[in-house]
Amino acid sequence: MKTRPLGQNGIQVSAMCMGTAYFGSKTDRETSFALLDQYRAAGGSFLDSANCYASWVAGSNGGDSERLLGEWIQERGNRGDLFIATKVGIAYPEAEPGLAEWQIVDECEKSLKRLNTDYIDLYYAHLDDRNTTLDETLHAFDKLVKSGKVRYIGASNYQAWRLEEAHWVSQRNSLAEYCCVQNHYTYLRPRPGAEFSYWGVGNEELFDYCEARGLAFLAYSTLLGGAYVRKDRRLWDKYSGPHSRERLSTLRSVAQDIGASPNQVVLAWMMQSKVPALPVIGVSKPEQLTENLGALGVNLTPEIMQRLNQG
């Protein structure tokens, strides 16, 4: 597995992060364990979870993903070989939404218990909480870093200007700083006026900010739930329109020319862009993971990158 830096803290992480949102709920224990083992066998160590995963699935109250990971870690005895990320801030039956100090500290304790670990490698603010000051939020995260319960902190679903505000709060008070941002991003471009609710979306402004400040950018929902390759998966309305049809045509043409799948081209394009994205891949079957990991071996020439960028 290739690695890449996680911001400017000197840490290298797997170039593909495994998303585990449905592990322990929609994806059963046996399948989840098999996928985690397959990812580890490929050299991967970066696992992404959240305290609320997957509370929207029928029969789930949240915490399923973290509990599943904790069971797998205990059974495999491999905690020291892993880089585990989880998140706080989105509501689920056990917690209200928000990033107040008491919420961050309380939810960290719950996550540590579910994960069967005494530290979290990367702890995200899962959602920008405008009702709590960044000063309070960052002091809470800093408290956890200083206690050794958290190594690094990141932001998810944040806009560039809020990241800059957070940067100056941390600088002014000598607090731990966000080293990365995780937002939604894919090859297609959203249609004008598309509504993403609370989702943060990767865009040129954010990439420019990440490059200037040295933050790593992680991308979720990169493959649009299989819509690039599966006939039974409809393209999201957020990406409907003539421009998307043109880019899809370019994507499929490139994939055919180089002997790769459209999914692999999307992931390779992200990882080889001027401001590279670190994709968080979500899979439910071994063959999906095999396909995604295959993108690590796809080399896109400058000419192909230009073709994809202009598609």
Foldseek 3Di string as FASTA:
>chain_A
DDWDDAFDPPDIFDLAEAEQLCDQHVFDLVLSLVQVVVCVVVVHAHYEEEQARPQVGPPDQGLRSLLSQLVSCVVVVCVVSHQYEYEAAPDTNVDHGDQALVRVVVVLVVSCVSNVHQAHAEYEHAFDDPVDDLLRNQVSVQVCCVVRRYVAYAYELDDLVVLVVNVVSCVVVVTGHHQAYEFAEELFDFDPPQDDDSTRYDDPRNLVSCVVRRHAYAHECHCVVVCLPDPVDPHDPRRDDDRSVVLSVLLCVVCVVQVAGSLLSTQLLQCPDPRHYRYHDYDNHPVVVVNNVCSVVDDDDPVSSVSNVVD
